[in-house]
Amino acid sequence: MSVPANAVLARSTTGTDVLAGLSIAGLLLPEAVAYSGIAGLPPQAGVIALFVGLACYGLLGRSRFAIVSATSSSAAVLAAGTLALAGGDQVSRAAIAATLVLLTGGCFLVASIARLGGLSQLIARPVLRGYTFGLACVIALKQLPHLFGVPELHGDFVPLLLARLLRDLTQLHGVTLGCGLTALALLFISERLRRVPGSLVVIALGVAVAGWLVQRGVPLTGEILLTPQWALPTWPSSGQWLPSIELAAALLLILYAESYSSIRGFALKHGDSVNPNRDLAVLGLANAISGLLHGMPVGAGYSGTSANEAAGARSRLSGLVAAATVLLMVCLLLRWIERIPQPVLAAIVIHAVSKSLRLSTFTPYLRWHRDRLVALASVLAVLSLGILNGLLFAIAFSLIMLLRQLATPRVSVLGRLAEGHDFVDIAQHPEAVPPPGMLIVRPEEPLFFVNAEAVLAQARHRVDAGQGLRRLILSLEESPDLDGTALEALGDFAAWLSARGIELRVARLKDAARDALSRLAIPQLSPQALNYWSVEDAVLATSPTSTSAKGNP
């Protein structure tokens, strides 16, 4: 009896997903424990977050490849936030961390209800890449004490951290350093051997020699208590509500920007559809449950998602298998996980963030001559202002640069190429010639309240510099709509031209902009003057009724 082809395909897909889930579970579990250390939380916070994230997204998500777990970036932001709100008190930091994660989940759910799926666009890609690079520098630097066996570093100001690290190198512990460097070397070697799970190898070796290492003063992970605390976290005091919500919003931005970048990237690669608002809701639910269980914030990190795809995953079943495997490993191997040497965990974190420390990330911006300053400012902001303030500064800086660009737009003067109907920028094509008695100008940015006066001031300057002008054609194809300031400025400009005997015609108007100008009813701008679908139509239309020309009495 033959087996249907679709049944064979389904069986093959299931088997591939099971193998992928088994392989990535061994990668994700030690990373989750290590990220707990970055956040300044006990190891179980990362393990709980990993299980909740995998289970929630596997059941309710849409992406076939996304792996939702604790991430290094959210762990670092959470550490900075809890340190600012609770200082060095570990009990208070853990309580506030649970509150922040729960609030982050609430922010995700509110954003989903409000259908703010485009929220991640607030963080431009150069900002995200610069921030990630700077964050990787800070994370790697703060893991070096665990690798060297010296006291931990506190704070985010990199020059001060470096100074403290150099000062503490006199306390260097040789056995700890040897353990960490060996683990790091094995992790980088395993990258070239795809079938070798590097994290599992170094963990197994570390656990195997843990007794020998402990005798020589190398610290281990320590006790992991996985009894869930299903209770509402302690709510902030009256003076901490605003900073707590601000921190939750910052976590929302960084988690969703990172998650949606991963989800959308792999969806485009494989031709899958995306539903941003659905992903917001699922991430919100996962973070809310993680907060209630006193876990860490979760998101779809690129490293876990790419590892899932590389392992051969074809559906969300791989994430569910990984969740079940993590639960099984914790139930059966918890006492062994507690014996992982700390320098091994530090090596795993450094290896994980090393992929973000490649200068080639910024090569496209240098080659394109675009957004170089934004990317550099993002890196410097994180290194000098700290993780959280650096992120907020980088976002603000990118928006300021955008407003600066929009507020100082370039206005092109158009001319016609010989033996053609195309009108092009004369500055780029000197052979183009404007029609006699006409000036054709085109703002290269949308016309709105920030730049309307500046754009029309440039147009006035062009008119003053011209001779024998009878008509000015304003091409507004870059403006999908016009606000009140732009409309008033256009009315003043039309009156100024009319006083000089120059007719104004507006070409290539979008529907919304045409409707706004029609309602404004500028006396010097007839309805016909708004209906030119191209510059060519405006040039070839019947000559203006006013024949007086500037410079010609």
Protein backbone atom coordinates (compact mmCIF):
# COMPACT_ATOMS: atom_id res chain seq x y z
CA MET A 1 0.00 0.00 0.00
CA SER A 2 1.53 3.33 -1.08
CA VAL A 3 1.81 6.22 1.33
CA PRO A 4 0.41 9.57 0.05
CA ALA A 5 3.07 12.09 -0.91
CA ASN A 6 1.70 14.78 1.42
CA ALA A 7 1.87 12.36 4.36
CA VAL A 8 5.52 11.61 3.57
CA LEU A 9 6.24 15.35 3.34
CA ALA A 10 4.49 16.03 6.66
CA ARG A 11 6.42 13.20 8.33
CA SER A 12 9.70 14.55 6.92
CA THR A 13 8.87 18.08 8.09
CA THR A 14 8.00 16.85 11.58
CA GLY A 15 11.23 14.91 11.85
CA THR A 16 13.28 17.90 10.72
CA ASP A 17 11.54 20.19 13.21
CA VAL A 18 12.13 17.73 16.06
CA LEU A 19 15.85 17.56 15.25
CA ALA A 20 16.05 21.36 14.97
CA GLY A 21 14.28 21.82 18.31
CA LEU A 22 16.61 19.36 20.03
CA SER A 23 19.72 21.02 18.64
CA ILE A 24 18.83 24.62 19.49
CA ALA A 25 17.69 23.74 23.02
CA GLY A 26 21.29 22.91 23.91
CA LEU A 27 22.36 26.32 22.55
CA LEU A 28 19.60 28.37 24.19
CA LEU A 29 19.69 27.00 27.74
CA PRO A 30 23.26 28.03 28.64
CA GLU A 31 22.73 31.41 26.95
CA ALA A 32 19.60 31.97 29.07
CA VAL A 33 21.55 31.25 32.25
CA ALA A 34 24.35 33.56 31.09
CA TYR A 35 21.94 36.39 30.17
CA SER A 36 20.53 36.23 33.69
CA GLY A 37 23.97 37.26 34.89
CA ILE A 38 23.98 40.21 32.47
CA ALA A 39 20.64 41.35 33.91
CA GLY A 40 21.90 40.96 37.48
CA LEU A 41 19.22 38.35 38.19
CA PRO A 42 19.38 34.77 39.49
CA PRO A 43 19.89 32.05 36.82
CA GLN A 44 16.29 30.85 36.97
CA ALA A 45 15.06 34.19 35.56
CA GLY A 46 16.62 33.39 32.18
CA VAL A 47 15.47 29.75 32.21
CA ILE A 48 11.86 30.73 32.98
CA ALA A 49 11.91 33.38 30.26
CA LEU A 50 13.30 30.87 27.75
CA PHE A 51 10.57 28.30 28.40
CA VAL A 52 7.76 30.88 28.40
CA GLY A 53 9.00 32.57 25.22
CA LEU A 54 9.41 29.31 23.29
CA ALA A 55 6.04 27.95 24.40
CA CYS A 56 4.01 31.13 23.81
CA TYR A 57 5.40 31.90 20.38
CA GLY A 58 5.36 28.26 19.32
CA LEU A 59 1.63 28.08 20.13
CA LEU A 60 0.45 31.53 19.01
CA GLY A 61 3.10 33.12 16.76
CA ARG A 62 3.19 33.31 12.98
CA SER A 63 6.85 33.06 11.98
CA ARG A 64 8.09 29.56 11.18
CA PHE A 65 11.62 30.33 12.35
CA ALA A 66 11.42 32.90 15.17
CA ILE A 67 12.88 31.78 18.50
CA VAL A 68 11.60 33.93 21.37
CA SER A 69 13.83 33.91 24.43
CA ALA A 70 15.85 36.24 26.64
CA THR A 71 18.21 38.43 24.61
CA SER A 72 21.50 40.09 25.51
CA SER A 73 20.23 43.57 24.61
CA SER A 74 17.07 43.36 26.74
CA ALA A 75 19.10 41.85 29.61
CA ALA A 76 21.50 44.81 29.51
CA VAL A 77 18.68 47.38 29.38
CA LEU A 78 16.92 45.61 32.26
CA ALA A 79 20.14 45.65 34.30
CA ALA A 80 20.56 49.38 33.73
CA GLY A 81 16.93 50.05 34.66
CA THR A 82 16.88 48.00 37.85
CA LEU A 83 20.20 49.48 38.95
CA ALA A 84 18.80 53.00 38.48
CA LEU A 85 15.62 52.22 40.43
CA ALA A 86 16.88 49.90 43.17
CA GLY A 87 20.62 50.45 43.42
CA GLY A 88 22.66 47.43 44.50
CA ASP A 89 20.00 45.67 46.60
CA GLN A 90 19.59 42.31 44.80
CA VAL A 91 16.18 41.53 46.35
CA SER A 92 14.74 44.90 45.31
CA ARG A 93 16.29 44.61 41.84
CA ALA A 94 14.65 41.21 41.31
CA ALA A 95 11.25 42.56 42.39
CA ILE A 96 11.54 45.65 40.20
CA ALA A 97 12.76 43.54 37.28
CA ALA A 98 9.60 41.41 37.45
CA THR A 99 7.51 44.60 37.49
CA LEU A 100 9.34 46.04 34.48
CA VAL A 101 8.90 42.82 32.48
CA LEU A 102 5.18 42.76 33.31
CA LEU A 103 4.82 46.44 32.32
CA THR A 104 6.70 45.69 29.10
CA GLY A 105 4.19 42.96 28.32
CA GLY A 106 1.39 45.43 28.97
CA CYS A 107 2.98 47.96 26.62
CA PHE A 108 3.20 45.29 23.91
CA LEU A 109 -0.48 44.42 24.34
CA VAL A 110 -1.56 48.08 24.26
CA ALA A 111 0.51 48.61 21.11
CA SER A 112 -1.14 45.57 19.53
CA ILE A 113 -4.66 46.80 20.38
CA ALA A 114 -3.76 50.23 18.97
CA ARG A 115 -2.39 48.49 15.85
CA LEU A 116 1.03 50.08 16.15
CA GLY A 117 2.76 47.40 14.12
CA GLY A 118 5.02 50.00 12.55
CA LEU A 119 6.41 50.90 15.96
CA SER A 120 9.80 49.37 15.22
CA GLN A 121 10.34 51.95 12.48
CA LEU A 122 11.02 54.50 15.22
CA ILE A 123 14.46 52.95 15.47
CA ALA A 124 16.29 53.40 12.18
CA ARG A 125 18.52 50.54 11.08
CA PRO A 126 21.74 52.58 11.46
CA VAL A 127 20.67 53.41 15.03
CA LEU A 128 19.90 49.75 15.77
CA ARG A 129 23.21 48.56 14.30
CA GLY A 130 25.23 51.25 16.06
CA TYR A 131 23.42 50.59 19.32
CA THR A 132 23.94 46.83 18.97
CA PHE A 133 27.66 47.34 18.32
CA GLY A 134 28.08 49.60 21.35
CA LEU A 135 25.96 47.29 23.50
CA ALA A 136 28.07 44.29 22.46
CA CYS A 137 31.20 46.21 23.51
CA VAL A 138 29.70 46.93 26.95
CA ILE A 139 28.44 43.36 27.45
CA ALA A 140 31.74 41.79 26.40
CA LEU A 141 33.68 44.20 28.62
CA LYS A 142 31.51 43.42 31.65
CA GLN A 143 32.00 39.66 31.09
CA LEU A 144 35.79 39.94 31.13
CA PRO A 145 35.99 39.95 34.97
CA HIS A 146 34.27 36.53 34.99
CA LEU A 147 36.79 35.41 32.38
CA PHE A 148 39.77 36.79 34.32
CA GLY A 149 38.61 35.93 37.83
CA VAL A 150 38.62 39.55 39.07
CA PRO A 151 35.83 41.56 40.81
CA GLU A 152 32.74 42.40 38.74
CA LEU A 153 32.38 45.75 36.96
CA HIS A 154 29.41 48.00 37.73
CA GLY A 155 28.12 50.87 35.62
CA ASP A 156 28.04 51.53 31.87
CA PHE A 157 30.62 54.28 31.28
CA VAL A 158 33.18 52.38 29.21
CA PRO A 159 36.31 54.47 29.94
CA LEU A 160 35.68 54.05 33.68
CA LEU A 161 35.03 50.32 33.25
CA LEU A 162 38.29 49.92 31.36
CA ALA A 163 40.18 51.81 34.05
CA ARG A 164 38.73 49.60 36.78
CA LEU A 165 39.46 46.44 34.80
CA LEU A 166 43.10 47.42 34.27
CA ARG A 167 43.41 48.24 37.97
CA ASP A 168 41.98 44.85 38.99
CA LEU A 169 44.21 42.84 36.65
CA THR A 170 46.68 42.56 39.52
CA GLN A 171 44.18 40.06 41.01
CA LEU A 172 44.10 37.93 37.86
CA HIS A 173 43.25 34.29 38.55
CA GLY A 174 45.23 32.06 36.22
CA VAL A 175 43.05 28.94 36.36
CA THR A 176 39.86 30.96 35.73
CA LEU A 177 41.51 32.72 32.79
CA GLY A 178 42.72 29.41 31.33
CA CYS A 179 39.24 27.89 31.64
CA GLY A 180 37.55 30.88 30.00
CA LEU A 181 40.03 31.21 27.14
CA THR A 182 39.85 27.47 26.41
CA ALA A 183 36.05 27.62 26.27
CA LEU A 184 36.17 30.70 24.03
CA ALA A 185 38.65 29.04 21.66
CA LEU A 186 36.49 25.91 21.41
CA LEU A 187 33.40 28.01 20.65
CA PHE A 188 35.10 29.82 17.78
CA ILE A 189 36.57 26.57 16.43
CA SER A 190 33.13 24.92 16.51
CA GLU A 191 31.81 27.67 14.22
CA ARG A 192 33.77 26.04 11.40
CA LEU A 193 32.34 22.62 12.26
CA ARG A 194 28.61 23.09 11.72
CA ARG A 195 27.60 19.73 13.08
CA VAL A 196 29.44 20.25 16.36
CA PRO A 197 27.27 21.99 19.03
CA GLY A 198 29.97 24.22 20.50
CA SER A 199 27.99 25.39 23.53
CA LEU A 200 27.13 21.84 24.59
CA VAL A 201 30.73 20.71 24.13
CA VAL A 202 32.22 23.45 26.33
CA ILE A 203 29.48 23.04 28.93
CA ALA A 204 29.99 19.27 29.08
CA LEU A 205 33.74 19.71 29.42
CA GLY A 206 33.27 22.44 32.04
CA VAL A 207 30.89 20.34 34.12
CA ALA A 208 33.21 17.34 33.79
CA VAL A 209 36.12 19.24 35.37
CA ALA A 210 33.98 21.38 37.71
CA GLY A 211 35.21 19.57 40.83
CA TRP A 212 38.86 20.16 39.90
CA LEU A 213 38.12 23.82 39.05
CA VAL A 214 36.29 24.47 42.33
CA GLN A 215 39.28 23.21 44.29
CA ARG A 216 41.35 25.86 42.53
CA GLY A 217 38.97 28.72 43.24
CA VAL A 218 36.94 28.85 40.01
CA PRO A 219 33.28 29.83 40.78
CA LEU A 220 30.34 27.83 39.44
CA THR A 221 26.86 28.94 38.36
CA GLY A 222 25.35 28.04 41.72
CA GLU A 223 21.90 27.01 42.89
CA ILE A 224 18.95 27.45 40.49
CA LEU A 225 15.50 27.59 42.12
CA LEU A 226 12.83 26.92 39.51
CA THR A 227 9.74 27.04 41.70
CA PRO A 228 7.61 29.61 39.83
CA GLN A 229 6.45 32.60 41.85
CA TRP A 230 3.00 33.05 40.34
CA ALA A 231 2.20 36.35 42.00
CA LEU A 232 1.82 39.96 41.03
CA PRO A 233 5.19 41.70 41.32
CA THR A 234 5.59 44.58 43.73
CA TRP A 235 4.20 47.73 42.13
CA PRO A 236 6.43 50.81 42.00
CA SER A 237 6.09 53.54 44.57
CA SER A 238 4.43 56.80 43.56
CA GLY A 239 7.76 58.34 42.58
CA GLN A 240 8.83 55.32 40.47
CA TRP A 241 5.81 54.94 38.19
CA LEU A 242 6.99 57.34 35.50
CA PRO A 243 10.56 56.00 35.26
CA SER A 244 9.20 52.42 35.33
CA ILE A 245 6.87 53.11 32.40
CA GLU A 246 9.70 54.87 30.54
CA LEU A 247 11.94 51.83 31.05
CA ALA A 248 9.16 49.49 29.91
CA ALA A 249 8.68 51.62 26.79
CA ALA A 250 12.42 51.47 26.11
CA LEU A 251 12.35 47.68 26.47
CA LEU A 252 9.37 47.56 24.12
CA LEU A 253 11.22 49.56 21.47
CA ILE A 254 14.44 47.59 21.57
CA LEU A 255 12.74 44.18 21.85
CA TYR A 256 10.28 44.84 19.04
CA ALA A 257 12.87 46.42 16.75
CA GLU A 258 15.12 43.39 17.24
CA SER A 259 12.26 40.90 17.01
CA TYR A 260 10.52 42.36 13.98
CA SER A 261 13.84 42.71 12.17
CA SER A 262 14.45 38.98 12.65
CA ILE A 263 10.87 37.93 11.88
CA ARG A 264 10.55 40.10 8.78
CA GLY A 265 14.03 39.23 7.49
CA PHE A 266 13.41 35.48 7.50
CA ALA A 267 9.85 35.92 6.21
CA LEU A 268 11.15 37.82 3.17
CA LYS A 269 13.86 35.22 2.65
CA HIS A 270 11.34 32.36 2.53
CA GLY A 271 8.36 34.19 1.00
CA ASP A 272 6.22 34.05 4.16
CA SER A 273 3.68 36.65 5.26
CA VAL A 274 4.06 38.74 8.42
CA ASN A 275 1.49 40.16 10.80
CA PRO A 276 3.18 42.81 12.98
CA ASN A 277 0.17 43.40 15.24
CA ARG A 278 -0.23 39.67 15.88
CA ASP A 279 3.46 39.47 16.82
CA LEU A 280 3.04 42.42 19.17
CA ALA A 281 0.23 40.60 20.95
CA VAL A 282 2.15 37.32 21.26
CA LEU A 283 5.29 39.06 22.53
CA GLY A 284 3.11 40.99 24.98
CA LEU A 285 1.57 37.80 26.34
CA ALA A 286 4.96 36.10 26.62
CA ASN A 287 6.47 39.04 28.51
CA ALA A 288 3.46 39.36 30.80
CA ILE A 289 3.63 35.66 31.77
CA SER A 290 7.41 35.87 32.17
CA GLY A 291 6.98 38.88 34.46
CA LEU A 292 4.39 37.08 36.57
CA LEU A 293 6.80 34.16 36.94
CA HIS A 294 9.69 36.55 37.75
CA GLY A 295 11.47 35.82 34.48
CA MET A 296 13.35 38.10 32.07
CA PRO A 297 11.99 40.03 29.07
CA VAL A 298 11.83 38.01 25.86
CA GLY A 299 12.08 38.76 22.16
CA ALA A 300 12.91 37.09 18.85
CA GLY A 301 16.68 37.45 18.79
CA TYR A 302 18.53 37.12 15.50
CA SER A 303 21.09 34.58 16.73
CA GLY A 304 18.50 32.09 18.01
CA THR A 305 16.27 32.55 14.97
CA SER A 306 19.13 32.09 12.49
CA ALA A 307 20.34 29.02 14.43
CA ASN A 308 16.81 27.56 14.19
CA GLU A 309 16.71 28.08 10.44
CA ALA A 310 20.23 26.67 10.03
CA ALA A 311 19.20 23.58 12.01
CA GLY A 312 16.54 22.87 9.36
CA ALA A 313 13.35 24.09 11.06
CA ARG A 314 10.30 24.26 8.80
CA SER A 315 7.52 25.19 11.23
CA ARG A 316 6.86 26.47 14.74
CA LEU A 317 6.99 22.87 15.96
CA SER A 318 10.76 23.26 16.39
CA GLY A 319 10.18 25.97 19.01
CA LEU A 320 7.72 23.77 20.90
CA VAL A 321 10.15 20.85 20.79
CA ALA A 322 12.88 23.17 22.09
CA ALA A 323 10.60 24.28 24.95
CA ALA A 324 9.84 20.67 25.90
CA THR A 325 13.55 19.80 25.66
CA VAL A 326 14.50 22.73 27.90
CA LEU A 327 11.91 21.63 30.47
CA LEU A 328 13.19 18.06 30.32
CA MET A 329 16.82 19.18 30.66
CA VAL A 330 15.95 21.34 33.66
CA CYS A 331 14.05 18.53 35.36
CA LEU A 332 16.73 15.89 34.75
CA LEU A 333 19.98 17.85 34.53
CA LEU A 334 19.44 20.82 36.83
CA ARG A 335 22.13 19.81 39.29
CA TRP A 336 24.61 19.52 36.42
CA ILE A 337 23.58 22.90 35.02
CA GLU A 338 24.31 24.42 38.42
CA ARG A 339 27.90 23.13 38.07
CA ILE A 340 28.68 25.08 34.89
CA PRO A 341 31.81 27.17 35.60
CA GLN A 342 31.22 30.92 35.45
CA PRO A 343 34.11 31.55 33.01
CA VAL A 344 32.43 29.10 30.61
CA LEU A 345 29.20 31.12 30.77
CA ALA A 346 31.19 34.32 30.23
CA ALA A 347 32.82 32.75 27.17
CA ILE A 348 29.38 31.78 25.80
CA VAL A 349 28.13 35.37 26.19
CA ILE A 350 31.25 36.89 24.61
CA HIS A 351 30.99 34.44 21.72
CA ALA A 352 27.28 35.24 21.27
CA VAL A 353 27.82 39.02 21.10
CA SER A 354 31.01 38.77 19.02
CA LYS A 355 28.89 38.57 15.87
CA SER A 356 27.77 42.15 16.58
CA LEU A 357 31.35 43.40 16.94
CA ARG A 358 32.23 43.27 13.26
CA LEU A 359 33.20 46.61 11.76
CA SER A 360 31.95 45.36 8.38
CA THR A 361 28.45 46.14 9.69
CA PHE A 362 29.12 49.82 9.00
CA THR A 363 30.74 49.35 5.58
CA PRO A 364 27.52 49.95 3.59
CA TYR A 365 26.93 53.32 5.29
CA LEU A 366 30.47 54.41 4.51
CA ARG A 367 30.12 53.26 0.89
CA TRP A 368 26.68 54.84 0.43
CA HIS A 369 27.69 58.10 2.19
CA ARG A 370 24.44 57.79 4.16
CA ASP A 371 23.71 57.77 7.91
CA ARG A 372 27.38 57.48 8.90
CA LEU A 373 27.00 60.13 11.58
CA VAL A 374 23.86 58.47 12.99
CA ALA A 375 25.55 55.06 13.28
CA LEU A 376 28.68 56.57 14.88
CA ALA A 377 26.60 58.64 17.32
CA SER A 378 24.70 55.51 18.36
CA VAL A 379 27.93 53.69 19.20
CA LEU A 380 29.41 56.63 21.09
CA ALA A 381 26.14 57.26 22.96
CA VAL A 382 26.05 53.73 24.36
CA LEU A 383 29.74 53.79 25.28
CA SER A 384 29.58 57.18 26.99
CA LEU A 385 26.00 57.62 28.27
CA GLY A 386 25.16 54.06 29.22
CA ILE A 387 22.90 51.42 27.72
CA LEU A 388 19.49 52.97 28.34
CA ASN A 389 20.36 56.65 27.96
CA GLY A 390 22.47 55.76 24.94
CA LEU A 391 19.49 54.11 23.23
CA LEU A 392 17.19 57.07 23.92
CA PHE A 393 19.85 59.54 22.77
CA ALA A 394 20.48 57.57 19.57
CA ILE A 395 16.76 57.52 18.71
CA ALA A 396 16.43 61.26 19.45
CA PHE A 397 19.55 62.03 17.44
CA SER A 398 18.26 60.15 14.38
CA LEU A 399 14.95 62.04 14.55
CA ILE A 400 16.78 65.36 14.91
CA MET A 401 18.91 64.54 11.85
CA LEU A 402 15.74 63.68 9.92
CA LEU A 403 14.10 66.99 10.90
CA ARG A 404 17.30 68.81 9.99
CA GLN A 405 17.24 67.23 6.54
CA LEU A 406 13.56 68.03 6.05
CA ALA A 407 13.98 71.58 7.35
CA THR A 408 16.79 72.37 4.90
CA PRO A 409 15.59 70.81 1.66
CA ARG A 410 17.20 71.23 -1.72
CA VAL A 411 15.11 72.93 -4.39
CA SER A 412 15.91 71.81 -7.92
CA VAL A 413 15.49 73.88 -11.06
CA LEU A 414 14.30 71.71 -13.95
CA GLY A 415 15.08 71.93 -17.63
CA ARG A 416 14.30 69.95 -20.77
CA LEU A 417 16.79 67.63 -22.39
CA ALA A 418 17.35 68.11 -26.11
CA GLU A 419 15.09 66.02 -28.33
CA GLY A 420 13.08 64.76 -25.38
CA HIS A 421 10.16 65.45 -23.09
CA ASP A 422 11.91 64.70 -19.82
CA PHE A 423 12.49 67.50 -17.33
CA VAL A 424 15.55 66.95 -15.16
CA ASP A 425 17.60 68.80 -12.56
CA ILE A 426 19.81 71.34 -14.33
CA ALA A 427 22.47 71.02 -11.60
CA GLN A 428 22.85 67.31 -12.44
CA HIS A 429 22.36 67.72 -16.19
CA PRO A 430 23.92 71.02 -17.38
CA GLU A 431 22.81 70.29 -20.96
CA ALA A 432 19.15 70.62 -19.92
CA VAL A 433 17.55 73.97 -20.81
CA PRO A 434 14.51 75.60 -19.14
CA PRO A 435 11.67 76.67 -21.47
CA PRO A 436 11.89 80.36 -22.44
CA GLY A 437 10.17 82.70 -19.98
CA MET A 438 9.53 79.91 -17.49
CA LEU A 439 11.06 78.75 -14.22
CA ILE A 440 10.37 75.16 -13.09
CA VAL A 441 11.24 74.36 -9.47
CA ARG A 442 10.86 71.13 -7.53
CA PRO A 443 11.33 70.75 -3.74
CA GLU A 444 13.20 67.51 -3.06
CA GLU A 445 11.45 66.94 0.29
CA PRO A 446 7.76 66.96 1.26
CA LEU A 447 6.44 70.48 1.85
CA PHE A 448 5.21 70.93 5.45
CA PHE A 449 5.37 73.34 8.36
CA VAL A 450 9.07 72.79 9.09
CA ASN A 451 10.33 73.71 5.63
CA ALA A 452 7.53 75.46 3.70
CA GLU A 453 8.87 78.99 4.24
CA ALA A 454 12.46 77.93 3.51
CA VAL A 455 11.48 76.19 0.26
CA LEU A 456 9.46 79.13 -1.06
CA ALA A 457 12.20 81.55 0.01
CA GLN A 458 14.57 79.62 -2.27
CA ALA A 459 11.99 79.84 -5.06
CA ARG A 460 11.72 83.63 -4.56
CA HIS A 461 15.49 83.90 -4.78
CA ARG A 462 15.41 82.03 -8.10
CA VAL A 463 12.72 84.36 -9.39
CA ASP A 464 14.72 87.44 -8.36
CA ALA A 465 17.76 86.03 -10.15
CA GLY A 466 15.83 85.30 -13.36
CA GLN A 467 15.04 87.57 -16.31
CA GLY A 468 11.92 87.77 -18.47
CA LEU A 469 9.88 85.30 -16.43
CA ARG A 470 6.20 84.97 -17.25
CA ARG A 471 5.39 81.69 -15.57
CA LEU A 472 6.59 79.63 -12.61
CA ILE A 473 5.79 75.93 -12.43
CA LEU A 474 6.01 74.33 -9.01
CA SER A 475 6.35 70.53 -9.16
CA LEU A 476 5.09 69.02 -5.87
CA GLU A 477 5.33 65.29 -6.56
CA GLU A 478 7.26 64.81 -3.30
CA SER A 479 4.36 66.17 -1.19
CA PRO A 480 1.56 63.64 -0.57
CA ASP A 481 -0.40 66.24 1.43
CA LEU A 482 -0.13 69.87 2.57
CA ASP A 483 -0.63 71.12 6.11
CA GLY A 484 -1.96 74.53 7.14
CA THR A 485 1.44 76.23 7.24
CA ALA A 486 2.32 74.99 3.75
CA LEU A 487 -1.04 76.14 2.38
CA GLU A 488 -0.68 79.64 3.84
CA ALA A 489 2.87 79.88 2.56
CA LEU A 490 1.71 78.88 -0.94
CA GLY A 491 -1.04 81.52 -0.80
CA ASP A 492 1.50 84.22 0.10
CA PHE A 493 3.84 82.97 -2.63
CA ALA A 494 1.08 83.07 -5.29
CA ALA A 495 0.21 86.67 -4.29
CA TRP A 496 3.92 87.65 -4.42
CA LEU A 497 4.24 86.21 -7.93
CA SER A 498 1.02 87.84 -9.11
CA ALA A 499 2.28 91.25 -7.98
CA ARG A 500 5.22 90.73 -10.36
CA GLY A 501 3.05 89.60 -13.26
CA ILE A 502 4.13 85.97 -13.05
CA GLU A 503 1.63 83.14 -13.32
CA LEU A 504 1.89 80.20 -10.90
CA ARG A 505 1.07 76.67 -12.00
CA VAL A 506 1.34 73.58 -9.78
CA ALA A 507 2.20 70.24 -11.40
CA ARG A 508 2.07 66.62 -10.30
CA LEU A 509 -0.18 67.20 -7.28
CA LYS A 510 -1.31 64.21 -5.26
CA ASP A 511 -5.07 63.98 -4.68
CA ALA A 512 -4.95 65.02 -1.01
CA ALA A 513 -2.77 68.04 -1.77
CA ARG A 514 -4.99 69.06 -4.71
CA ASP A 515 -8.11 68.85 -2.55
CA ALA A 516 -6.47 71.00 0.14
CA LEU A 517 -5.45 73.69 -2.37
CA SER A 518 -8.91 73.64 -3.96
CA ARG A 519 -10.53 74.26 -0.57
CA LEU A 520 -8.05 77.05 0.14
CA ALA A 521 -9.17 78.79 -3.09
CA ILE A 522 -6.15 81.01 -3.66
CA PRO A 523 -7.36 83.89 -5.87
CA GLN A 524 -4.19 83.88 -7.96
CA LEU A 525 -4.35 80.11 -8.48
CA SER A 526 -7.21 79.02 -10.72
CA PRO A 527 -8.64 75.48 -10.50
CA GLN A 528 -7.13 74.77 -13.92
CA ALA A 529 -3.67 75.62 -12.56
CA LEU A 530 -3.96 72.63 -10.20
CA ASN A 531 -4.78 70.02 -12.82
CA TYR A 532 -1.45 69.50 -14.56
CA TRP A 533 -0.52 65.84 -14.25
CA SER A 534 2.99 66.43 -15.50
CA VAL A 535 5.46 69.28 -15.91
CA GLU A 536 5.12 68.87 -19.67
CA ASP A 537 1.36 69.58 -19.43
CA ALA A 538 2.00 72.74 -17.42
CA VAL A 539 4.59 73.94 -19.93
CA LEU A 540 2.55 73.24 -23.08
CA ALA A 541 -0.79 74.57 -21.80
CA THR A 542 -2.24 77.82 -23.14
CA SER A 543 -0.02 80.85 -22.46
CA PRO A 544 -0.86 82.90 -19.37
CA THR A 545 -3.30 85.77 -19.72
CA SER A 546 -0.77 88.15 -18.14
CA THR A 547 1.92 88.92 -20.70
CA SER A 548 3.90 91.27 -18.53
CA ALA A 549 7.31 89.87 -17.79
CA LYS A 550 9.80 90.51 -15.10
CA GLY A 551 12.43 92.82 -16.53
CA ASN A 552 10.20 93.57 -19.62
CA PRO A 553 7.95 96.63 -19.10
